[in-house]
């Protein structure tokens, strides 16, 4: 493992967003898979875009948005793309 702290895995969404719920479920499953494989598992941090006008303006039409390190996925609903993001950022 690295000595550098892991970046947070950030999910931007809002209450009542079905796609956000789906993405959360995918991310939790991916975290579990990584933990079982002995790989680095970042902390999932959820951010409600309705609590910050800047987030709401930036992400309203793109949620769910997932950030990890300096990478961002908009309309992040693909398990394959989310897995790739984790691999690219954490295992490179």
Protein backbone atom coordinates (compact mmCIF):
# COMPACT_ATOMS: atom_id res chain seq x y z
CA UNK A 1 0.00 0.00 0.00
CA UNK A 2 0.98 3.59 -0.42
CA UNK A 3 1.99 6.00 2.31
CA UNK A 4 -0.12 8.70 0.65
CA UNK A 5 -3.68 8.94 2.00
CA UNK A 6 -6.42 7.79 -0.35
CA UNK A 7 -8.63 10.42 -1.91
CA UNK A 8 -12.28 10.34 -0.93
CA UNK A 9 -14.75 8.79 -3.35
CA UNK A 10 -17.31 11.59 -3.69
CA UNK A 11 -20.87 11.07 -4.91
CA UNK A 12 -22.79 14.24 -5.78
CA UNK A 13 -26.54 13.72 -5.89
CA UNK A 14 -29.79 14.84 -4.35
CA UNK A 15 -32.66 13.28 -2.41
CA UNK A 16 -35.16 11.44 -4.57
CA UNK A 17 -32.68 10.81 -7.37
CA UNK A 18 -33.14 7.19 -8.44
CA UNK A 19 -29.97 7.22 -10.55
CA UNK A 20 -28.04 8.48 -7.53
CA UNK A 21 -29.41 5.60 -5.44
CA UNK A 22 -28.36 3.16 -8.16
CA UNK A 23 -24.85 4.63 -8.32
CA UNK A 24 -24.52 4.49 -4.52
CA UNK A 25 -25.39 0.78 -4.61
CA UNK A 26 -22.82 0.15 -7.34
CA UNK A 27 -20.13 2.05 -5.44
CA UNK A 28 -20.82 0.15 -2.22
CA UNK A 29 -20.60 -3.16 -4.09
CA UNK A 30 -17.33 -2.10 -5.73
CA UNK A 31 -15.90 -1.08 -2.35
CA UNK A 32 -16.84 -4.49 -0.98
CA UNK A 33 -15.22 -6.28 -3.94
CA UNK A 34 -12.02 -4.25 -3.53
CA UNK A 35 -11.90 -4.98 0.21
CA UNK A 36 -12.29 -8.72 -0.41
CA UNK A 37 -9.49 -8.56 -2.98
CA UNK A 38 -7.19 -6.74 -0.55
CA UNK A 39 -7.17 -3.57 -2.64
CA UNK A 40 -7.32 0.02 -1.42
CA UNK A 41 -10.85 1.14 -0.54
CA UNK A 42 -11.56 4.87 -0.48
CA UNK A 43 -14.12 6.39 1.85
CA UNK A 44 -17.45 7.16 0.18
CA UNK A 45 -18.54 10.74 0.83
CA UNK A 46 -21.99 11.83 -0.32
CA UNK A 47 -22.74 15.44 -1.14
CA UNK A 48 -26.29 16.72 -1.57
CA UNK A 49 -26.15 19.30 -4.36
CA UNK A 50 -29.22 21.03 -2.91
CA UNK A 51 -27.13 22.16 0.09
CA UNK A 52 -24.72 24.23 -1.99
CA UNK A 53 -25.80 26.59 -4.81
CA UNK A 54 -22.47 26.13 -6.62
CA UNK A 55 -22.84 22.33 -6.64
CA UNK A 56 -26.45 22.60 -7.75
CA UNK A 57 -25.52 24.93 -10.59
CA UNK A 58 -22.57 22.79 -11.67
CA UNK A 59 -24.12 19.33 -11.36
CA UNK A 60 -27.93 19.62 -11.58
CA UNK A 61 -28.18 18.16 -15.09
CA UNK A 62 -25.26 15.75 -14.65
CA UNK A 63 -26.02 13.84 -11.42
CA UNK A 64 -25.01 11.39 -10.31
CA UNK A 65 -21.48 12.75 -10.43
CA UNK A 66 -18.60 10.76 -8.95
CA UNK A 67 -15.17 12.21 -8.20
CA UNK A 68 -12.04 10.39 -7.16
CA UNK A 69 -8.81 12.33 -6.97
CA UNK A 70 -8.62 14.59 -10.00
CA UNK A 71 -11.05 12.48 -12.07
CA UNK A 72 -14.79 13.05 -12.48
CA UNK A 73 -17.57 11.01 -14.06
CA UNK A 74 -20.88 12.68 -14.85
CA UNK A 75 -24.09 10.67 -15.21
CA UNK A 76 -22.09 7.93 -13.50
CA UNK A 77 -24.37 4.90 -13.70
CA UNK A 78 -22.13 2.34 -15.41
CA UNK A 79 -20.57 -0.23 -13.09
CA UNK A 80 -17.81 -0.82 -15.65
CA UNK A 81 -16.90 2.88 -15.84
CA UNK A 82 -16.98 3.25 -12.06
CA UNK A 83 -14.78 0.16 -11.63
CA UNK A 84 -12.37 1.59 -14.21
CA UNK A 85 -12.25 4.92 -12.36
CA UNK A 86 -11.33 3.17 -9.11
CA UNK A 87 -8.70 1.05 -10.84
CA UNK A 88 -7.15 3.92 -12.77
CA UNK A 89 -6.89 6.24 -9.78
CA UNK A 90 -6.08 3.80 -7.00
CA UNK A 91 -4.12 1.00 -8.64
CA UNK A 92 -1.97 2.90 -11.12
